Amino acid sequence: MWTRHHKKRKFGRLILPAVTVAFLSYFGYHSLHGDYGLRAAQDFERQRIARSAELAELVGRRERLERQVQLLSDGSLERDMMDEKARYQLNMSRPDEIVIFDSYLN
């Protein structure tokens, strides 16, 4: 009966741990720096907060404009509002008036 004797190589025992370390390193790196990693999640959160603030500003602006439109709509047309809009659009005022421009009239 023939038996084969293999030399135990130190290199063979290191293959599985080296592959495991490479595997874990690759996925560990991409879990932090990848497109959907932790740093990308922080960037997405910053964008969400900035866009929420922008949305709140736009909603407030829209509400102001809707209030102005409601004042100019049929049935509730106020003479003062109509006079104010006409003066602003035509860039006219009486000589005894002081004109203060406000940004919401744009």
C-alpha atoms as a PDB file:
ATOM      1  CA  MET A   1       0.000   0.000   0.000  1.00  0.00           C
ATOM      2  CA  TRP A   2       1.351   3.312  -1.019  1.00  0.00           C
ATOM      3  CA  THR A   3       0.931   6.443   1.102  1.00  0.00           C
ATOM      4  CA  ARG A   4       1.787   9.928   0.118  1.00  0.00           C
ATOM      5  CA  HIS A   5       3.295  12.290   2.541  1.00  0.00           C
ATOM      6  CA  HIS A   6       2.666  15.965   2.111  1.00  0.00           C
ATOM      7  CA  LYS A   7       4.868  18.585   3.502  1.00  0.00           C
ATOM      8  CA  LYS A   8       2.913  21.029   5.577  1.00  0.00           C
ATOM      9  CA  ARG A   9       3.489  24.391   4.046  1.00  0.00           C
ATOM     10  CA  LYS A  10       3.100  27.564   6.038  1.00  0.00           C
ATOM     11  CA  PHE A  11       1.816  29.321   2.930  1.00  0.00           C
ATOM     12  CA  GLY A  12      -1.236  27.022   2.684  1.00  0.00           C
ATOM     13  CA  ARG A  13      -2.402  27.853   6.172  1.00  0.00           C
ATOM     14  CA  LEU A  14      -2.422  31.591   5.372  1.00  0.00           C
ATOM     15  CA  ILE A  15      -4.629  31.453   2.271  1.00  0.00           C
ATOM     16  CA  LEU A  16      -8.023  31.290   4.018  1.00  0.00           C
ATOM     17  CA  PRO A  17      -7.239  34.071   6.548  1.00  0.00           C
ATOM     18  CA  ALA A  18      -5.813  36.265   3.762  1.00  0.00           C
ATOM     19  CA  VAL A  19      -8.943  35.803   1.628  1.00  0.00           C
ATOM     20  CA  THR A  20     -11.113  36.532   4.672  1.00  0.00           C
ATOM     21  CA  VAL A  21      -9.188  39.706   5.513  1.00  0.00           C
ATOM     22  CA  ALA A  22      -9.388  40.872   1.888  1.00  0.00           C
ATOM     23  CA  PHE A  23     -13.132  40.165   1.793  1.00  0.00           C
ATOM     24  CA  LEU A  24     -13.829  42.016   5.045  1.00  0.00           C
ATOM     25  CA  SER A  25     -11.574  44.920   4.068  1.00  0.00           C
ATOM     26  CA  TYR A  26     -13.343  45.379   0.738  1.00  0.00           C
ATOM     27  CA  PHE A  27     -16.838  45.416   2.223  1.00  0.00           C
ATOM     28  CA  GLY A  28     -15.730  47.427   5.253  1.00  0.00           C
ATOM     29  CA  TYR A  29     -14.280  50.144   3.049  1.00  0.00           C
ATOM     30  CA  HIS A  30     -17.401  50.341   0.889  1.00  0.00           C
ATOM     31  CA  SER A  31     -19.700  50.394   3.900  1.00  0.00           C
ATOM     32  CA  LEU A  32     -18.031  53.666   4.902  1.00  0.00           C
ATOM     33  CA  HIS A  33     -17.030  55.304   1.614  1.00  0.00           C
ATOM     34  CA  GLY A  34     -19.333  53.719  -0.969  1.00  0.00           C
ATOM     35  CA  ASP A  35     -22.333  55.259  -2.751  1.00  0.00           C
ATOM     36  CA  TYR A  36     -24.655  54.054   0.027  1.00  0.00           C
ATOM     37  CA  GLY A  37     -22.140  54.073   2.886  1.00  0.00           C
ATOM     38  CA  LEU A  38     -22.188  55.988   6.130  1.00  0.00           C
ATOM     39  CA  ARG A  39     -20.616  59.142   4.706  1.00  0.00           C
ATOM     40  CA  ALA A  40     -23.096  59.198   1.832  1.00  0.00           C
ATOM     41  CA  ALA A  41     -25.927  58.843   4.374  1.00  0.00           C
ATOM     42  CA  GLN A  42     -24.608  61.919   6.199  1.00  0.00           C
ATOM     43  CA  ASP A  43     -24.534  63.872   2.931  1.00  0.00           C
ATOM     44  CA  PHE A  44     -28.096  62.774   2.154  1.00  0.00           C
ATOM     45  CA  GLU A  45     -29.218  63.925   5.598  1.00  0.00           C
ATOM     46  CA  ARG A  46     -27.594  67.354   5.108  1.00  0.00           C
ATOM     47  CA  GLN A  47     -29.334  67.700   1.754  1.00  0.00           C
ATOM     48  CA  ARG A  48     -32.659  66.679   3.307  1.00  0.00           C
ATOM     49  CA  ILE A  49     -32.349  69.326   6.037  1.00  0.00           C
ATOM     50  CA  ALA A  50     -31.401  72.034   3.511  1.00  0.00           C
ATOM     51  CA  ARG A  51     -34.281  71.123   1.223  1.00  0.00           C
ATOM     52  CA  SER A  52     -36.730  71.026   4.146  1.00  0.00           C
ATOM     53  CA  ALA A  53     -35.728  74.584   5.043  1.00  0.00           C
ATOM     54  CA  GLU A  54     -36.119  75.634   1.405  1.00  0.00           C
ATOM     55  CA  LEU A  55     -39.527  73.967   1.262  1.00  0.00           C
ATOM     56  CA  ALA A  56     -40.672  75.794   4.404  1.00  0.00           C
ATOM     57  CA  GLU A  57     -39.574  79.103   2.870  1.00  0.00           C
ATOM     58  CA  LEU A  58     -41.397  78.364  -0.387  1.00  0.00           C
ATOM     59  CA  VAL A  59     -44.557  77.286   1.456  1.00  0.00           C
ATOM     60  CA  GLY A  60     -44.539  80.574   3.397  1.00  0.00           C
ATOM     61  CA  ARG A  61     -44.055  82.546   0.199  1.00  0.00           C
ATOM     62  CA  ARG A  62     -46.896  80.648  -1.466  1.00  0.00           C
ATOM     63  CA  GLU A  63     -49.220  81.349   1.474  1.00  0.00           C
ATOM     64  CA  ARG A  64     -48.438  85.078   1.263  1.00  0.00           C
ATOM     65  CA  LEU A  65     -49.137  85.062  -2.470  1.00  0.00           C
ATOM     66  CA  GLU A  66     -52.387  83.144  -1.965  1.00  0.00           C
ATOM     67  CA  ARG A  67     -53.466  85.730   0.621  1.00  0.00           C
ATOM     68  CA  GLN A  68     -52.779  88.519  -1.872  1.00  0.00           C
ATOM     69  CA  VAL A  69     -54.665  86.695  -4.615  1.00  0.00           C
ATOM     70  CA  GLN A  70     -57.581  86.151  -2.270  1.00  0.00           C
ATOM     71  CA  LEU A  71     -57.689  89.879  -1.540  1.00  0.00           C
ATOM     72  CA  LEU A  72     -57.702  90.637  -5.286  1.00  0.00           C
ATOM     73  CA  SER A  73     -60.269  87.978  -6.256  1.00  0.00           C
ATOM     74  CA  ASP A  74     -63.884  88.713  -7.190  1.00  0.00           C
ATOM     75  CA  GLY A  75     -66.264  89.484  -4.377  1.00  0.00           C
ATOM     76  CA  SER A  76     -63.579  90.538  -1.927  1.00  0.00           C
ATOM     77  CA  LEU A  77     -61.713  93.130  -3.958  1.00  0.00           C
ATOM     78  CA  GLU A  78     -60.408  95.692  -1.532  1.00  0.00           C
ATOM     79  CA  ARG A  79     -59.907  99.179  -2.801  1.00  0.00           C
ATOM     80  CA  ASP A  80     -56.681  99.686  -0.824  1.00  0.00           C
ATOM     81  CA  MET A  81     -55.112  96.511  -2.198  1.00  0.00           C
ATOM     82  CA  MET A  82     -56.061  97.409  -5.758  1.00  0.00           C
ATOM     83  CA  ASP A  83     -54.667 100.932  -5.286  1.00  0.00           C
ATOM     84  CA  GLU A  84     -51.439  99.558  -3.805  1.00  0.00           C
ATOM     85  CA  LYS A  85     -50.908  97.101  -6.670  1.00  0.00           C
ATOM     86  CA  ALA A  86     -51.673  99.720  -9.322  1.00  0.00           C
ATOM     87  CA  ARG A  87     -49.218 102.201  -7.798  1.00  0.00           C
ATOM     88  CA  TYR A  88     -46.512  99.546  -7.552  1.00  0.00           C
ATOM     89  CA  GLN A  89     -46.978  98.307 -11.121  1.00  0.00           C
ATOM     90  CA  LEU A  90     -47.140 101.810 -12.595  1.00  0.00           C
ATOM     91  CA  ASN A  91     -44.379 103.124 -10.328  1.00  0.00           C
ATOM     92  CA  MET A  92     -46.421 106.153  -9.359  1.00  0.00           C
ATOM     93  CA  SER A  93     -47.230 107.967  -6.118  1.00  0.00           C
ATOM     94  CA  ARG A  94     -48.543 111.285  -4.972  1.00  0.00           C
ATOM     95  CA  PRO A  95     -46.034 114.046  -4.131  1.00  0.00           C
ATOM     96  CA  ASP A  96     -46.981 114.014  -0.429  1.00  0.00           C
ATOM     97  CA  GLU A  97     -46.461 110.250   0.032  1.00  0.00           C
ATOM     98  CA  ILE A  98     -43.465 108.319   1.287  1.00  0.00           C
ATOM     99  CA  VAL A  99     -42.931 105.061  -0.580  1.00  0.00           C
ATOM    100  CA  ILE A 100     -41.403 102.038   1.156  1.00  0.00           C
ATOM    101  CA  PHE A 101     -40.818  99.028  -1.076  1.00  0.00           C
ATOM    102  CA  ASP A 102     -41.169  95.614   0.478  1.00  0.00           C
ATOM    103  CA  SER A 103     -39.866  92.372  -1.064  1.00  0.00           C
ATOM    104  CA  TYR A 104     -43.187  90.448  -0.914  1.00  0.00           C
ATOM    105  CA  LEU A 105     -44.753  92.744  -3.523  1.00  0.00           C
ATOM    106  CA  ASN A 106     -42.574  91.343  -6.326  1.00  0.00           C
END
